[in-house]
N, C-alpha and C. Protein backbone atom coordinates (compact mmCIF):
# COMPACT_ATOMS: atom_id res chain seq x y z
N MET A 1 151.85 -9.93 -89.71
CA MET A 1 151.02 -9.03 -90.45
C MET A 1 151.79 -7.75 -90.70
N ALA A 2 151.83 -7.28 -91.91
CA ALA A 2 152.55 -6.07 -92.25
C ALA A 2 151.80 -4.80 -91.76
N PRO A 3 152.51 -3.83 -91.23
CA PRO A 3 151.85 -2.66 -90.80
C PRO A 3 151.25 -1.88 -91.98
N LEU A 4 150.14 -1.18 -91.72
CA LEU A 4 149.50 -0.40 -92.77
C LEU A 4 150.03 1.01 -92.76
N PHE A 5 150.20 1.60 -93.97
CA PHE A 5 150.57 2.98 -94.11
C PHE A 5 149.31 3.77 -94.43
N VAL A 6 149.18 4.85 -93.76
CA VAL A 6 147.99 5.69 -93.97
C VAL A 6 148.40 7.01 -94.67
N SER A 7 147.68 7.35 -95.67
CA SER A 7 147.98 8.62 -96.35
C SER A 7 146.82 9.55 -96.10
N LEU A 8 147.15 10.80 -95.79
CA LEU A 8 146.16 11.85 -95.63
C LEU A 8 146.46 12.95 -96.65
N ALA A 9 145.44 13.52 -97.19
CA ALA A 9 145.64 14.59 -98.17
C ALA A 9 144.74 15.75 -97.77
N ARG A 10 145.25 16.94 -97.96
CA ARG A 10 144.49 18.19 -97.71
C ARG A 10 144.97 19.27 -98.69
N GLN A 11 144.08 20.22 -98.89
CA GLN A 11 144.43 21.32 -99.73
C GLN A 11 145.24 22.37 -98.99
N ASP A 12 145.96 23.16 -99.73
CA ASP A 12 146.75 24.23 -99.14
C ASP A 12 145.82 25.24 -98.46
N PRO A 13 145.97 25.48 -97.15
CA PRO A 13 145.03 26.41 -96.47
C PRO A 13 145.23 27.83 -96.85
N GLU A 14 146.36 28.21 -97.34
CA GLU A 14 146.59 29.62 -97.67
C GLU A 14 146.09 29.97 -99.05
N GLY A 15 145.68 28.96 -99.77
CA GLY A 15 145.16 29.23 -101.11
C GLY A 15 146.24 29.65 -102.08
N SER A 16 147.46 29.23 -101.88
CA SER A 16 148.54 29.67 -102.73
C SER A 16 148.51 28.94 -104.10
N GLY A 17 147.67 27.94 -104.20
CA GLY A 17 147.52 27.25 -105.45
C GLY A 17 148.62 26.22 -105.70
N LYS A 18 149.30 25.90 -104.69
CA LYS A 18 150.41 24.91 -104.86
C LYS A 18 149.88 23.48 -104.89
N GLY A 19 148.60 23.28 -104.68
CA GLY A 19 148.06 21.93 -104.83
C GLY A 19 147.75 21.28 -103.48
N ILE A 20 147.81 19.99 -103.52
CA ILE A 20 147.45 19.16 -102.40
C ILE A 20 148.67 18.65 -101.66
N HIS A 21 148.71 18.76 -100.34
CA HIS A 21 149.80 18.23 -99.56
C HIS A 21 149.47 16.82 -99.12
N VAL A 22 150.37 15.91 -99.26
CA VAL A 22 150.12 14.51 -98.86
C VAL A 22 151.03 14.20 -97.67
N PHE A 23 150.43 13.68 -96.61
CA PHE A 23 151.18 13.31 -95.41
C PHE A 23 151.09 11.77 -95.24
N ARG A 24 152.18 11.20 -94.96
CA ARG A 24 152.19 9.76 -94.70
C ARG A 24 152.58 9.56 -93.25
N LEU A 25 151.79 8.67 -92.57
CA LEU A 25 152.07 8.31 -91.21
C LEU A 25 152.89 7.03 -91.25
N LYS A 26 154.02 7.09 -90.55
CA LYS A 26 154.85 5.90 -90.47
C LYS A 26 154.43 5.04 -89.32
N PRO A 27 154.53 3.70 -89.45
CA PRO A 27 154.19 2.83 -88.38
C PRO A 27 155.16 2.95 -87.22
N LEU A 28 154.69 2.75 -86.04
CA LEU A 28 155.60 2.78 -84.89
C LEU A 28 156.43 1.53 -84.83
N LYS A 29 157.65 1.68 -84.55
CA LYS A 29 158.54 0.52 -84.37
C LYS A 29 158.38 0.03 -82.97
N ARG A 30 158.20 -1.28 -82.85
CA ARG A 30 158.15 -1.91 -81.50
C ARG A 30 159.47 -2.58 -81.31
N ASP A 31 160.21 -2.09 -80.35
CA ASP A 31 161.44 -2.77 -80.00
C ASP A 31 161.13 -3.80 -78.97
N ASN A 32 161.59 -5.01 -79.20
CA ASN A 32 161.45 -6.06 -78.20
C ASN A 32 162.45 -5.84 -77.13
N LYS A 33 161.92 -5.32 -76.03
CA LYS A 33 162.83 -5.03 -74.95
C LYS A 33 163.06 -6.30 -74.13
N ARG A 34 164.24 -6.52 -73.73
CA ARG A 34 164.60 -7.71 -73.02
C ARG A 34 163.94 -7.80 -71.67
N GLY A 35 163.63 -6.68 -71.04
CA GLY A 35 163.04 -6.66 -69.72
C GLY A 35 161.58 -7.13 -69.69
N GLU A 36 160.90 -7.12 -70.82
CA GLU A 36 159.48 -7.51 -70.90
C GLU A 36 159.30 -8.88 -71.52
N ARG A 37 160.37 -9.62 -71.62
CA ARG A 37 160.30 -10.89 -72.34
C ARG A 37 159.42 -11.92 -71.65
N GLY A 38 159.41 -12.11 -70.34
CA GLY A 38 158.66 -13.07 -69.66
C GLY A 38 157.48 -12.52 -68.92
N GLN A 39 157.05 -11.31 -69.28
CA GLN A 39 155.93 -10.71 -68.55
C GLN A 39 154.66 -11.53 -68.59
N GLY A 40 154.32 -12.05 -69.73
CA GLY A 40 153.09 -12.83 -69.85
C GLY A 40 153.14 -14.10 -69.00
N LEU A 41 154.31 -14.71 -68.92
CA LEU A 41 154.42 -15.93 -68.10
C LEU A 41 154.29 -15.56 -66.62
N VAL A 42 154.89 -14.50 -66.19
CA VAL A 42 154.77 -14.12 -64.75
C VAL A 42 153.33 -13.80 -64.42
N GLU A 43 152.63 -13.09 -65.29
CA GLU A 43 151.22 -12.75 -65.04
C GLU A 43 150.36 -14.01 -64.96
N PHE A 44 150.65 -14.96 -65.86
CA PHE A 44 149.93 -16.21 -65.85
C PHE A 44 150.15 -16.97 -64.55
N VAL A 45 151.38 -16.99 -64.08
CA VAL A 45 151.72 -17.72 -62.87
C VAL A 45 151.05 -17.06 -61.65
N LEU A 46 150.89 -15.75 -61.66
CA LEU A 46 150.23 -15.07 -60.60
C LEU A 46 148.73 -15.24 -60.56
N VAL A 47 148.11 -15.38 -61.70
CA VAL A 47 146.67 -15.47 -61.79
C VAL A 47 146.17 -16.91 -61.73
N LEU A 48 147.01 -17.88 -62.12
CA LEU A 48 146.62 -19.29 -62.19
C LEU A 48 146.08 -19.84 -60.84
N PRO A 49 146.75 -19.66 -59.73
CA PRO A 49 146.19 -20.23 -58.45
C PRO A 49 144.86 -19.67 -58.08
N ILE A 50 144.67 -18.35 -58.28
CA ILE A 50 143.37 -17.76 -57.99
C ILE A 50 142.30 -18.31 -58.90
N PHE A 51 142.66 -18.48 -60.20
CA PHE A 51 141.67 -19.02 -61.13
C PHE A 51 141.28 -20.46 -60.77
N LEU A 52 142.27 -21.29 -60.45
CA LEU A 52 142.03 -22.66 -60.11
C LEU A 52 141.19 -22.79 -58.80
N LEU A 53 141.48 -21.92 -57.85
CA LEU A 53 140.70 -21.87 -56.61
C LEU A 53 139.23 -21.58 -56.91
N LEU A 54 139.02 -20.60 -57.77
CA LEU A 54 137.69 -20.21 -58.16
C LEU A 54 136.96 -21.36 -58.86
N VAL A 55 137.65 -22.03 -59.78
CA VAL A 55 137.02 -23.14 -60.53
C VAL A 55 136.68 -24.26 -59.63
N PHE A 56 137.60 -24.67 -58.76
CA PHE A 56 137.34 -25.80 -57.88
C PHE A 56 136.33 -25.43 -56.81
N SER A 57 136.28 -24.20 -56.40
CA SER A 57 135.23 -23.78 -55.43
C SER A 57 133.85 -23.86 -56.05
N ILE A 58 133.75 -23.50 -57.32
CA ILE A 58 132.44 -23.62 -58.02
C ILE A 58 132.07 -25.11 -58.09
N MET A 59 133.01 -25.95 -58.40
CA MET A 59 132.74 -27.39 -58.47
C MET A 59 132.33 -27.92 -57.12
N ASP A 60 133.03 -27.47 -56.01
CA ASP A 60 132.72 -27.92 -54.71
C ASP A 60 131.31 -27.49 -54.26
N PHE A 61 130.95 -26.28 -54.63
CA PHE A 61 129.63 -25.75 -54.30
C PHE A 61 128.57 -26.61 -55.04
N GLY A 62 128.80 -26.91 -56.29
CA GLY A 62 127.89 -27.70 -57.04
C GLY A 62 127.68 -29.13 -56.50
N MET A 63 128.79 -29.73 -56.12
CA MET A 63 128.71 -31.08 -55.53
C MET A 63 128.04 -31.05 -54.13
N GLY A 64 128.33 -30.03 -53.34
CA GLY A 64 127.68 -29.87 -52.07
C GLY A 64 126.18 -29.62 -52.20
N PHE A 65 125.80 -28.80 -53.20
CA PHE A 65 124.40 -28.59 -53.46
C PHE A 65 123.68 -29.83 -53.87
N HIS A 66 124.33 -30.64 -54.71
CA HIS A 66 123.80 -31.93 -55.12
C HIS A 66 123.59 -32.86 -53.90
N ALA A 67 124.56 -32.89 -53.03
CA ALA A 67 124.44 -33.71 -51.82
C ALA A 67 123.25 -33.28 -50.93
N TRP A 68 123.15 -31.95 -50.78
CA TRP A 68 122.04 -31.43 -49.94
C TRP A 68 120.71 -31.80 -50.57
N LEU A 69 120.55 -31.65 -51.89
CA LEU A 69 119.32 -32.01 -52.54
C LEU A 69 119.03 -33.54 -52.43
N THR A 70 120.04 -34.30 -52.53
CA THR A 70 119.86 -35.77 -52.45
C THR A 70 119.43 -36.16 -51.06
N VAL A 71 120.00 -35.54 -50.01
CA VAL A 71 119.64 -35.87 -48.62
C VAL A 71 118.16 -35.48 -48.42
N THR A 72 117.78 -34.31 -48.86
CA THR A 72 116.40 -33.82 -48.73
C THR A 72 115.41 -34.74 -49.47
N ASN A 73 115.73 -35.12 -50.71
CA ASN A 73 114.88 -36.00 -51.44
C ASN A 73 114.78 -37.41 -50.81
N SER A 74 115.87 -37.94 -50.32
CA SER A 74 115.91 -39.25 -49.70
C SER A 74 115.06 -39.31 -48.45
N ALA A 75 115.10 -38.24 -47.63
CA ALA A 75 114.27 -38.20 -46.43
C ALA A 75 112.78 -38.18 -46.79
N ARG A 76 112.46 -37.41 -47.82
CA ARG A 76 111.09 -37.30 -48.27
C ARG A 76 110.57 -38.62 -48.82
N GLU A 77 111.40 -39.30 -49.61
CA GLU A 77 111.02 -40.62 -50.14
C GLU A 77 110.81 -41.61 -49.02
N GLY A 78 111.68 -41.62 -48.06
CA GLY A 78 111.54 -42.57 -46.95
C GLY A 78 110.26 -42.29 -46.12
N ALA A 79 109.97 -41.02 -45.93
CA ALA A 79 108.79 -40.66 -45.18
C ALA A 79 107.52 -41.04 -45.94
N ARG A 80 107.58 -40.88 -47.27
CA ARG A 80 106.40 -41.25 -48.07
C ARG A 80 106.15 -42.78 -47.99
N LEU A 81 107.22 -43.60 -48.01
CA LEU A 81 107.04 -45.02 -47.91
C LEU A 81 106.52 -45.37 -46.50
N GLY A 82 107.00 -44.66 -45.49
CA GLY A 82 106.50 -44.93 -44.13
C GLY A 82 105.07 -44.52 -43.98
N ALA A 83 104.60 -43.54 -44.72
CA ALA A 83 103.20 -43.07 -44.60
C ALA A 83 102.26 -44.11 -45.19
N VAL A 84 102.72 -44.94 -46.10
CA VAL A 84 101.85 -45.96 -46.68
C VAL A 84 102.15 -47.34 -46.09
N ARG A 85 102.62 -47.34 -44.84
CA ARG A 85 102.79 -48.56 -44.03
C ARG A 85 104.01 -49.41 -44.37
N GLY A 86 105.13 -48.75 -44.69
CA GLY A 86 106.40 -49.48 -44.90
C GLY A 86 107.04 -49.77 -43.56
N THR A 87 107.80 -50.86 -43.50
CA THR A 87 108.48 -51.18 -42.23
C THR A 87 109.73 -50.30 -42.09
N GLN A 88 110.32 -50.32 -40.91
CA GLN A 88 111.52 -49.50 -40.70
C GLN A 88 112.66 -49.94 -41.63
N ALA A 89 112.80 -51.23 -41.83
CA ALA A 89 113.88 -51.72 -42.72
C ALA A 89 113.64 -51.30 -44.14
N GLN A 90 112.36 -51.31 -44.59
CA GLN A 90 112.04 -50.86 -45.94
C GLN A 90 112.34 -49.37 -46.15
N ILE A 91 112.00 -48.64 -45.07
CA ILE A 91 112.22 -47.17 -45.15
C ILE A 91 113.71 -46.87 -45.23
N VAL A 92 114.51 -47.50 -44.43
CA VAL A 92 116.00 -47.31 -44.45
C VAL A 92 116.49 -47.71 -45.80
N GLN A 93 116.07 -48.83 -46.35
CA GLN A 93 116.49 -49.29 -47.68
C GLN A 93 116.13 -48.30 -48.75
N LYS A 94 114.90 -47.74 -48.66
CA LYS A 94 114.43 -46.72 -49.66
C LYS A 94 115.29 -45.48 -49.62
N VAL A 95 115.64 -45.04 -48.44
CA VAL A 95 116.51 -43.86 -48.26
C VAL A 95 117.90 -44.17 -48.87
N GLN A 96 118.43 -45.29 -48.65
CA GLN A 96 119.74 -45.68 -49.20
C GLN A 96 119.67 -45.80 -50.72
N ASP A 97 118.54 -46.34 -51.24
CA ASP A 97 118.39 -46.54 -52.66
C ASP A 97 118.30 -45.18 -53.42
N THR A 98 117.65 -44.19 -52.79
CA THR A 98 117.52 -42.90 -53.43
C THR A 98 118.72 -42.00 -53.26
N SER A 99 119.68 -42.46 -52.50
CA SER A 99 120.90 -41.66 -52.30
C SER A 99 122.15 -42.37 -52.77
N THR A 100 122.08 -42.98 -53.95
CA THR A 100 123.17 -43.81 -54.48
C THR A 100 124.44 -43.02 -54.73
N SER A 101 124.36 -41.74 -55.01
CA SER A 101 125.51 -40.93 -55.30
C SER A 101 126.30 -40.50 -54.06
N LEU A 102 125.77 -40.77 -52.90
CA LEU A 102 126.41 -40.32 -51.64
C LEU A 102 127.12 -41.49 -51.00
N ASP A 103 128.10 -41.19 -50.15
CA ASP A 103 128.83 -42.20 -49.37
C ASP A 103 127.97 -42.63 -48.20
N LYS A 104 127.58 -43.94 -48.20
CA LYS A 104 126.66 -44.45 -47.14
C LYS A 104 127.31 -44.45 -45.77
N SER A 105 128.66 -44.50 -45.72
CA SER A 105 129.33 -44.53 -44.40
C SER A 105 129.22 -43.18 -43.69
N LYS A 106 128.96 -42.12 -44.43
CA LYS A 106 128.82 -40.75 -43.86
C LYS A 106 127.38 -40.42 -43.60
N MET A 107 126.47 -41.33 -43.82
CA MET A 107 125.04 -41.04 -43.65
C MET A 107 124.45 -41.76 -42.46
N THR A 108 123.58 -41.02 -41.72
CA THR A 108 122.88 -41.53 -40.57
C THR A 108 121.39 -41.40 -40.81
N ILE A 109 120.64 -42.53 -40.70
CA ILE A 109 119.22 -42.53 -40.97
C ILE A 109 118.52 -42.91 -39.66
N THR A 110 117.51 -42.08 -39.25
CA THR A 110 116.70 -42.37 -38.08
C THR A 110 115.23 -42.33 -38.47
N VAL A 111 114.54 -43.43 -38.16
CA VAL A 111 113.09 -43.53 -38.44
C VAL A 111 112.32 -43.58 -37.13
N THR A 112 111.32 -42.78 -37.03
CA THR A 112 110.51 -42.74 -35.79
C THR A 112 109.04 -43.02 -36.15
N ASN A 113 108.41 -43.91 -35.35
CA ASN A 113 107.02 -44.22 -35.48
C ASN A 113 106.66 -44.92 -36.80
N ALA A 114 107.51 -45.83 -37.27
CA ALA A 114 107.20 -46.58 -38.44
C ALA A 114 106.08 -47.57 -38.07
N GLN A 115 105.07 -47.69 -38.90
CA GLN A 115 103.90 -48.56 -38.69
C GLN A 115 103.17 -48.24 -37.41
N GLY A 116 103.06 -46.96 -37.15
CA GLY A 116 102.28 -46.47 -35.98
C GLY A 116 100.80 -46.52 -36.28
N SER A 117 100.02 -45.89 -35.42
CA SER A 117 98.56 -45.89 -35.67
C SER A 117 98.19 -44.87 -36.72
N PRO A 118 97.15 -45.15 -37.51
CA PRO A 118 96.74 -44.18 -38.55
C PRO A 118 96.37 -42.86 -37.98
N GLY A 119 96.75 -41.80 -38.67
CA GLY A 119 96.59 -40.43 -38.20
C GLY A 119 97.82 -39.91 -37.48
N GLY A 120 98.71 -40.81 -37.02
CA GLY A 120 99.96 -40.39 -36.42
C GLY A 120 100.96 -39.97 -37.52
N SER A 121 102.15 -39.71 -37.12
CA SER A 121 103.12 -39.29 -38.18
C SER A 121 104.37 -40.16 -38.08
N VAL A 122 104.94 -40.38 -39.26
CA VAL A 122 106.24 -41.06 -39.33
C VAL A 122 107.29 -39.97 -39.64
N VAL A 123 108.42 -40.03 -38.96
CA VAL A 123 109.50 -39.02 -39.13
C VAL A 123 110.74 -39.74 -39.57
N VAL A 124 111.30 -39.26 -40.67
CA VAL A 124 112.55 -39.79 -41.20
C VAL A 124 113.57 -38.69 -41.14
N ASP A 125 114.68 -38.94 -40.42
CA ASP A 125 115.74 -37.93 -40.30
C ASP A 125 116.99 -38.48 -40.89
N VAL A 126 117.53 -37.77 -41.89
CA VAL A 126 118.74 -38.18 -42.63
C VAL A 126 119.81 -37.16 -42.35
N LYS A 127 120.92 -37.56 -41.89
CA LYS A 127 122.10 -36.67 -41.66
C LYS A 127 123.24 -37.16 -42.51
N TYR A 128 123.96 -36.19 -43.11
CA TYR A 128 125.10 -36.57 -43.98
C TYR A 128 126.24 -35.56 -43.76
N ASP A 129 127.46 -36.11 -43.70
CA ASP A 129 128.65 -35.25 -43.54
C ASP A 129 129.31 -35.15 -44.92
N TYR A 130 129.27 -33.97 -45.51
CA TYR A 130 129.89 -33.71 -46.81
C TYR A 130 131.27 -33.15 -46.62
N SER A 131 132.28 -33.81 -47.24
CA SER A 131 133.67 -33.36 -47.15
C SER A 131 133.96 -32.47 -48.33
N LEU A 132 134.51 -31.27 -48.03
CA LEU A 132 134.93 -30.36 -49.13
C LEU A 132 136.11 -30.88 -49.87
N ILE A 133 136.19 -30.63 -51.17
CA ILE A 133 137.34 -31.13 -51.95
C ILE A 133 138.40 -30.02 -52.11
N THR A 134 138.03 -28.82 -51.81
CA THR A 134 139.00 -27.69 -51.94
C THR A 134 139.43 -27.22 -50.56
N PRO A 135 140.57 -26.48 -50.47
CA PRO A 135 140.96 -25.94 -49.21
C PRO A 135 140.13 -24.72 -48.78
N LEU A 136 138.93 -24.66 -49.30
CA LEU A 136 138.00 -23.51 -49.02
C LEU A 136 137.62 -23.45 -47.58
N ASP A 137 137.72 -24.57 -46.86
CA ASP A 137 137.33 -24.56 -45.42
C ASP A 137 138.25 -23.69 -44.63
N LYS A 138 139.50 -23.62 -45.02
CA LYS A 138 140.46 -22.78 -44.26
C LYS A 138 140.11 -21.25 -44.45
N ILE A 139 139.72 -20.93 -45.66
CA ILE A 139 139.36 -19.52 -45.95
C ILE A 139 138.03 -19.23 -45.27
N LEU A 140 137.06 -20.15 -45.37
CA LEU A 140 135.76 -19.94 -44.75
C LEU A 140 135.93 -19.91 -43.23
N GLY A 141 136.87 -20.71 -42.66
CA GLY A 141 137.10 -20.72 -41.26
C GLY A 141 137.53 -19.39 -40.74
N ILE A 142 138.38 -18.70 -41.52
CA ILE A 142 138.83 -17.37 -41.14
C ILE A 142 137.69 -16.36 -41.13
N VAL A 143 136.89 -16.43 -42.18
CA VAL A 143 135.75 -15.53 -42.32
C VAL A 143 134.68 -15.80 -41.28
N SER A 144 134.36 -17.09 -41.04
CA SER A 144 133.26 -17.44 -40.09
C SER A 144 133.70 -17.62 -38.67
N GLY A 145 134.99 -17.42 -38.35
CA GLY A 145 135.43 -17.57 -37.01
C GLY A 145 135.61 -19.00 -36.56
N GLY A 146 135.86 -19.91 -37.50
CA GLY A 146 136.07 -21.32 -37.20
C GLY A 146 134.81 -22.14 -37.14
N LYS A 147 133.66 -21.63 -37.55
CA LYS A 147 132.41 -22.36 -37.51
C LYS A 147 132.27 -23.28 -38.70
N VAL A 148 132.98 -23.01 -39.79
CA VAL A 148 132.91 -23.88 -40.98
C VAL A 148 134.20 -24.69 -41.00
N GLY A 149 134.07 -26.03 -41.02
CA GLY A 149 135.21 -26.89 -41.00
C GLY A 149 135.41 -27.61 -42.36
N PRO A 150 136.22 -28.65 -42.34
CA PRO A 150 136.41 -29.36 -43.60
C PRO A 150 135.24 -30.21 -44.02
N THR A 151 134.26 -30.40 -43.12
CA THR A 151 133.00 -31.10 -43.55
C THR A 151 131.81 -30.21 -43.17
N LEU A 152 130.84 -30.37 -44.03
CA LEU A 152 129.55 -29.65 -43.87
C LEU A 152 128.51 -30.67 -43.45
N LYS A 153 127.69 -30.40 -42.51
CA LYS A 153 126.71 -31.30 -42.06
C LYS A 153 125.34 -30.96 -42.61
N PHE A 154 124.79 -31.85 -43.42
CA PHE A 154 123.46 -31.68 -44.03
C PHE A 154 122.49 -32.54 -43.18
N ASP A 155 121.36 -31.96 -42.86
CA ASP A 155 120.34 -32.67 -42.04
C ASP A 155 118.98 -32.36 -42.68
N SER A 156 118.23 -33.40 -42.94
CA SER A 156 116.91 -33.23 -43.50
C SER A 156 115.92 -34.13 -42.74
N LYS A 157 114.85 -33.55 -42.28
CA LYS A 157 113.84 -34.29 -41.54
C LYS A 157 112.52 -34.18 -42.29
N ALA A 158 111.92 -35.34 -42.61
CA ALA A 158 110.63 -35.38 -43.27
C ALA A 158 109.61 -36.00 -42.36
N ASP A 159 108.46 -35.36 -42.24
CA ASP A 159 107.39 -35.84 -41.39
C ASP A 159 106.11 -35.96 -42.21
N MET A 160 105.54 -37.19 -42.22
CA MET A 160 104.31 -37.39 -43.00
C MET A 160 103.30 -38.17 -42.16
N ARG A 161 102.02 -37.87 -42.38
CA ARG A 161 100.95 -38.54 -41.64
C ARG A 161 100.74 -39.95 -42.15
N LEU A 162 100.57 -40.89 -41.20
CA LEU A 162 100.33 -42.26 -41.56
C LEU A 162 98.91 -42.46 -42.11
N GLU A 163 98.80 -43.25 -43.16
CA GLU A 163 97.51 -43.49 -43.75
C GLU A 163 96.87 -44.75 -43.22
């Protein structure tokens, strides 16, 4: 893009009658200095790891939140089935069916008082170990004093009255 030239005009302040003075502003010349040649690349390389860590941390948080919601919903669904006289095997199957997006090998399901007496309660406890995908656990470990590790433990307990 070609630089623009700007013209300014003003009248003679002394009133000498010599007319209008015209001033032209010249564009600034930009010299491509050799020392600034790779500046953009260096800044990009410095910012890229921080940006990627931020993006993957957001993804990790979203996936962890999804896992927590799924564990909570699965426990509630299992307890609801138990409340209407489902067997322990049916309750465990219902919990596994409602948590299809989670790794079943990391899930522990405990059912208490399935098919008990009416008025009692059935308790479904679902525990899940969520593994972080980012190295965020090392950063969180420093901040939390080592209480947060590479896996987060989600636990949801649902208790419903037997009908």
